[in-house]
Amino acid sequence: MTPNEPQHRQEPTLDPIAPAPPSPGADSGDTASEPLSDARLAELQAKHAEVSDAFLRAKAEAENTRRRAEEEISKARKFALEAVSPGAAHRDEHEEFPADLVRLMADLGFLVLPYGEEVGGAGLDTLAYCIAVEEIARVDASLAITLAAHVS
């Protein structure tokens, strides 16, 4: 190659079948070809089953929480449209505090949405709680603020 010729550098390619190079400081012994003992295989299978079970439990719990959140948000939307909306303008114009609606929110469980079930709450996350507050705020911002202030 002459000094004026362009030098082409070929980028190394990664062969998906080739084994990965050993990490620095790793044992240079080829463990991939060593057979697993029955005890080690049983240990790995047990660990796999344990991790799989934990994953499935977490997935089911997340799905249950999502379903409950959707139910609570739907309940808040219905409450806002059917119970709050009809008198919202009147309460606002006459500066009336809706104690009856606050009691109803308590009865429906809105005042404990983000608290854990172990203390009597619904155990929902903050996002579900905020969306429920927004559903009420669509028709009566002051009642939504009363809910938010109670929960905070």
C-alpha atoms as a PDB file:
ATOM      1  CA  MET A   1       0.000   0.000   0.000  1.00  0.00           C
ATOM      2  CA  THR A   2       1.364   3.416  -0.938  1.00  0.00           C
ATOM      3  CA  PRO A   3       1.073   6.468   1.252  1.00  0.00           C
ATOM      4  CA  ASN A   4      -1.408   8.094  -1.175  1.00  0.00           C
ATOM      5  CA  GLU A   5      -3.781   5.103  -1.332  1.00  0.00           C
ATOM      6  CA  PRO A   6      -6.844   5.416   0.852  1.00  0.00           C
ATOM      7  CA  GLN A   7      -6.741   3.083   3.732  1.00  0.00           C
ATOM      8  CA  HIS A   8      -9.898   1.040   4.168  1.00  0.00           C
ATOM      9  CA  ARG A   9     -10.505  -0.151   7.609  1.00  0.00           C
ATOM     10  CA  GLN A  10     -12.817  -3.090   7.877  1.00  0.00           C
ATOM     11  CA  GLU A  11     -15.087  -2.912  10.914  1.00  0.00           C
ATOM     12  CA  PRO A  12     -15.159  -6.089  12.933  1.00  0.00           C
ATOM     13  CA  THR A  13     -18.410  -7.985  12.639  1.00  0.00           C
ATOM     14  CA  LEU A  14     -20.115  -9.759  15.441  1.00  0.00           C
ATOM     15  CA  ASP A  15     -20.859 -13.360  14.710  1.00  0.00           C
ATOM     16  CA  PRO A  16     -24.083 -14.236  16.556  1.00  0.00           C
ATOM     17  CA  ILE A  17     -22.998 -17.846  16.779  1.00  0.00           C
ATOM     18  CA  ALA A  18     -19.461 -17.245  18.017  1.00  0.00           C
ATOM     19  CA  PRO A  19     -19.044 -17.350  21.798  1.00  0.00           C
ATOM     20  CA  ALA A  20     -18.529 -14.029  23.523  1.00  0.00           C
ATOM     21  CA  PRO A  21     -14.953 -13.275  24.490  1.00  0.00           C
ATOM     22  CA  PRO A  22     -14.236 -13.828  28.173  1.00  0.00           C
ATOM     23  CA  SER A  23     -14.545 -10.882  30.486  1.00  0.00           C
ATOM     24  CA  PRO A  24     -11.283  -9.461  31.815  1.00  0.00           C
ATOM     25  CA  GLY A  25     -10.268 -11.392  34.887  1.00  0.00           C
ATOM     26  CA  ALA A  26     -12.685 -14.223  34.128  1.00  0.00           C
ATOM     27  CA  ASP A  27     -11.628 -17.824  34.517  1.00  0.00           C
ATOM     28  CA  SER A  28     -10.218 -19.000  31.225  1.00  0.00           C
ATOM     29  CA  GLY A  29     -11.640 -22.506  31.663  1.00  0.00           C
ATOM     30  CA  ASP A  30     -14.247 -23.535  29.129  1.00  0.00           C
ATOM     31  CA  THR A  31     -17.239 -24.152  31.373  1.00  0.00           C
ATOM     32  CA  ALA A  32     -19.712 -24.339  28.495  1.00  0.00           C
ATOM     33  CA  SER A  33     -18.589 -27.833  27.616  1.00  0.00           C
ATOM     34  CA  GLU A  34     -18.619 -29.124  31.189  1.00  0.00           C
ATOM     35  CA  PRO A  35     -21.787 -31.082  31.962  1.00  0.00           C
ATOM     36  CA  LEU A  36     -23.997 -29.919  34.807  1.00  0.00           C
ATOM     37  CA  SER A  37     -24.224 -32.181  37.785  1.00  0.00           C
ATOM     38  CA  ASP A  38     -27.683 -33.440  38.681  1.00  0.00           C
ATOM     39  CA  ALA A  39     -27.590 -31.392  41.873  1.00  0.00           C
ATOM     40  CA  ARG A  40     -26.653 -28.182  40.025  1.00  0.00           C
ATOM     41  CA  LEU A  41     -29.310 -28.810  37.383  1.00  0.00           C
ATOM     42  CA  ALA A  42     -31.946 -29.361  40.081  1.00  0.00           C
ATOM     43  CA  GLU A  43     -30.808 -26.172  41.832  1.00  0.00           C
ATOM     44  CA  LEU A  44     -31.104 -24.144  38.613  1.00  0.00           C
ATOM     45  CA  GLN A  45     -34.518 -25.623  37.811  1.00  0.00           C
ATOM     46  CA  ALA A  46     -35.766 -24.778  41.306  1.00  0.00           C
ATOM     47  CA  LYS A  47     -34.473 -21.220  41.002  1.00  0.00           C
ATOM     48  CA  HIS A  48     -36.104 -20.892  37.577  1.00  0.00           C
ATOM     49  CA  ALA A  49     -39.432 -22.117  38.977  1.00  0.00           C
ATOM     50  CA  GLU A  50     -39.157 -19.692  41.895  1.00  0.00           C
ATOM     51  CA  VAL A  51     -38.447 -16.723  39.617  1.00  0.00           C
ATOM     52  CA  SER A  52     -41.217 -17.754  37.199  1.00  0.00           C
ATOM     53  CA  ASP A  53     -43.723 -18.036  40.043  1.00  0.00           C
ATOM     54  CA  ALA A  54     -42.704 -14.632  41.423  1.00  0.00           C
ATOM     55  CA  PHE A  55     -43.080 -13.083  37.972  1.00  0.00           C
ATOM     56  CA  LEU A  56     -46.522 -14.595  37.464  1.00  0.00           C
ATOM     57  CA  ARG A  57     -47.672 -13.432  40.910  1.00  0.00           C
ATOM     58  CA  ALA A  58     -46.417  -9.895  40.212  1.00  0.00           C
ATOM     59  CA  LYS A  59     -48.078  -9.880  36.794  1.00  0.00           C
ATOM     60  CA  ALA A  60     -51.405 -11.028  38.262  1.00  0.00           C
ATOM     61  CA  GLU A  61     -51.172  -8.431  41.038  1.00  0.00           C
ATOM     62  CA  ALA A  62     -50.440  -5.662  38.521  1.00  0.00           C
ATOM     63  CA  GLU A  63     -53.390  -6.735  36.380  1.00  0.00           C
ATOM     64  CA  ASN A  64     -55.647  -6.783  39.437  1.00  0.00           C
ATOM     65  CA  THR A  65     -54.471  -3.299  40.458  1.00  0.00           C
ATOM     66  CA  ARG A  66     -55.045  -1.990  36.916  1.00  0.00           C
ATOM     67  CA  ARG A  67     -58.561  -3.459  36.858  1.00  0.00           C
ATOM     68  CA  ARG A  68     -59.395  -1.969  40.276  1.00  0.00           C
ATOM     69  CA  ALA A  69     -58.020   1.416  39.176  1.00  0.00           C
ATOM     70  CA  GLU A  70     -60.247   1.375  36.096  1.00  0.00           C
ATOM     71  CA  GLU A  71     -63.248   0.502  38.275  1.00  0.00           C
ATOM     72  CA  GLU A  72     -62.520   3.345  40.725  1.00  0.00           C
ATOM     73  CA  ILE A  73     -62.018   5.863  37.920  1.00  0.00           C
ATOM     74  CA  SER A  74     -65.285   4.759  36.319  1.00  0.00           C
ATOM     75  CA  LYS A  75     -67.015   5.058  39.694  1.00  0.00           C
ATOM     76  CA  ALA A  76     -65.608   8.589  40.140  1.00  0.00           C
ATOM     77  CA  ARG A  77     -66.806   9.574  36.651  1.00  0.00           C
ATOM     78  CA  LYS A  78     -70.310   8.249  37.380  1.00  0.00           C
ATOM     79  CA  PHE A  79     -70.369   9.954  40.797  1.00  0.00           C
ATOM     80  CA  ALA A  80     -69.307  13.255  39.223  1.00  0.00           C
ATOM     81  CA  LEU A  81     -71.926  13.130  36.490  1.00  0.00           C
ATOM     82  CA  GLU A  82     -74.822  11.798  38.529  1.00  0.00           C
ATOM     83  CA  ALA A  83     -74.314  13.221  42.023  1.00  0.00           C
ATOM     84  CA  VAL A  84     -72.009  16.229  41.744  1.00  0.00           C
ATOM     85  CA  SER A  85     -72.864  17.885  38.447  1.00  0.00           C
ATOM     86  CA  PRO A  86     -76.593  18.572  38.997  1.00  0.00           C
ATOM     87  CA  GLY A  87     -76.012  21.021  41.880  1.00  0.00           C
ATOM     88  CA  ALA A  88     -72.506  22.268  41.115  1.00  0.00           C
ATOM     89  CA  ALA A  89     -73.486  25.648  39.664  1.00  0.00           C
ATOM     90  CA  HIS A  90     -75.959  26.325  42.503  1.00  0.00           C
ATOM     91  CA  ARG A  91     -73.397  25.444  45.203  1.00  0.00           C
ATOM     92  CA  ASP A  92     -70.817  27.641  43.511  1.00  0.00           C
ATOM     93  CA  GLU A  93     -73.143  30.631  43.125  1.00  0.00           C
ATOM     94  CA  HIS A  94     -74.366  30.387  46.727  1.00  0.00           C
ATOM     95  CA  GLU A  95     -70.960  29.465  48.195  1.00  0.00           C
ATOM     96  CA  GLU A  96     -72.331  26.304  49.794  1.00  0.00           C
ATOM     97  CA  PHE A  97     -70.098  23.552  51.100  1.00  0.00           C
ATOM     98  CA  PRO A  98     -71.373  20.121  49.984  1.00  0.00           C
ATOM     99  CA  ALA A  99     -70.919  18.173  53.223  1.00  0.00           C
ATOM    100  CA  ASP A 100     -73.364  15.542  51.967  1.00  0.00           C
ATOM    101  CA  LEU A 101     -71.198  14.917  48.894  1.00  0.00           C
ATOM    102  CA  VAL A 102     -68.034  14.710  50.999  1.00  0.00           C
ATOM    103  CA  ARG A 103     -69.748  12.048  53.140  1.00  0.00           C
ATOM    104  CA  LEU A 104     -70.794  10.248  49.980  1.00  0.00           C
ATOM    105  CA  MET A 105     -67.204  10.397  48.682  1.00  0.00           C
ATOM    106  CA  ALA A 106     -66.094   8.813  51.951  1.00  0.00           C
ATOM    107  CA  ASP A 107     -68.766   6.113  51.657  1.00  0.00           C
ATOM    108  CA  LEU A 108     -67.648   5.381  48.086  1.00  0.00           C
ATOM    109  CA  GLY A 109     -64.026   5.078  49.225  1.00  0.00           C
ATOM    110  CA  PHE A 110     -62.623   8.079  47.350  1.00  0.00           C
ATOM    111  CA  LEU A 111     -60.995   9.512  50.487  1.00  0.00           C
ATOM    112  CA  VAL A 112     -58.739   6.464  50.826  1.00  0.00           C
ATOM    113  CA  LEU A 113     -57.893   5.636  47.188  1.00  0.00           C
ATOM    114  CA  PRO A 114     -54.089   5.915  47.458  1.00  0.00           C
ATOM    115  CA  TYR A 115     -53.731   4.340  50.894  1.00  0.00           C
ATOM    116  CA  GLY A 116     -52.719   0.718  51.324  1.00  0.00           C
ATOM    117  CA  GLU A 117     -55.276  -1.983  51.847  1.00  0.00           C
ATOM    118  CA  GLU A 118     -53.574  -2.907  55.125  1.00  0.00           C
ATOM    119  CA  VAL A 119     -54.819   0.414  56.594  1.00  0.00           C
ATOM    120  CA  GLY A 120     -58.274   0.284  55.006  1.00  0.00           C
ATOM    121  CA  GLY A 121     -57.471   2.046  51.750  1.00  0.00           C
ATOM    122  CA  ALA A 122     -58.002   0.992  48.164  1.00  0.00           C
ATOM    123  CA  GLY A 123     -54.280   0.470  47.557  1.00  0.00           C
ATOM    124  CA  LEU A 124     -54.248   2.282  44.218  1.00  0.00           C
ATOM    125  CA  ASP A 125     -51.310   4.199  42.830  1.00  0.00           C
ATOM    126  CA  THR A 126     -51.078   7.981  42.695  1.00  0.00           C
ATOM    127  CA  LEU A 127     -51.921   8.133  38.997  1.00  0.00           C
ATOM    128  CA  ALA A 128     -55.274   6.362  39.469  1.00  0.00           C
ATOM    129  CA  TYR A 129     -56.063   8.654  42.416  1.00  0.00           C
ATOM    130  CA  CYS A 130     -55.213  11.767  40.353  1.00  0.00           C
ATOM    131  CA  ILE A 131     -57.403  10.620  37.465  1.00  0.00           C
ATOM    132  CA  ALA A 132     -60.291  10.056  39.883  1.00  0.00           C
ATOM    133  CA  VAL A 133     -59.798  13.601  41.228  1.00  0.00           C
ATOM    134  CA  GLU A 134     -59.768  14.914  37.645  1.00  0.00           C
ATOM    135  CA  GLU A 135     -63.067  13.166  36.909  1.00  0.00           C
ATOM    136  CA  ILE A 136     -64.666  15.053  39.810  1.00  0.00           C
ATOM    137  CA  ALA A 137     -62.896  18.304  38.878  1.00  0.00           C
ATOM    138  CA  ARG A 138     -64.516  18.184  35.428  1.00  0.00           C
ATOM    139  CA  VAL A 139     -67.829  19.120  37.046  1.00  0.00           C
ATOM    140  CA  ASP A 140     -66.865  20.728  40.378  1.00  0.00           C
ATOM    141  CA  ALA A 141     -63.325  21.939  40.974  1.00  0.00           C
ATOM    142  CA  SER A 142     -63.979  22.935  44.590  1.00  0.00           C
ATOM    143  CA  LEU A 143     -65.189  19.442  45.498  1.00  0.00           C
ATOM    144  CA  ALA A 144     -62.163  17.942  43.753  1.00  0.00           C
ATOM    145  CA  ILE A 145     -59.893  20.235  45.769  1.00  0.00           C
ATOM    146  CA  THR A 146     -61.694  19.138  48.949  1.00  0.00           C
ATOM    147  CA  LEU A 147     -60.925  15.524  48.027  1.00  0.00           C
ATOM    148  CA  ALA A 148     -57.299  16.318  47.192  1.00  0.00           C
ATOM    149  CA  ALA A 149     -56.820  18.302  50.413  1.00  0.00           C
ATOM    150  CA  HIS A 150     -58.281  15.481  52.485  1.00  0.00           C
ATOM    151  CA  VAL A 151     -56.019  12.874  50.943  1.00  0.00           C
ATOM    152  CA  SER A 152     -52.809  14.941  51.067  1.00  0.00           C
END
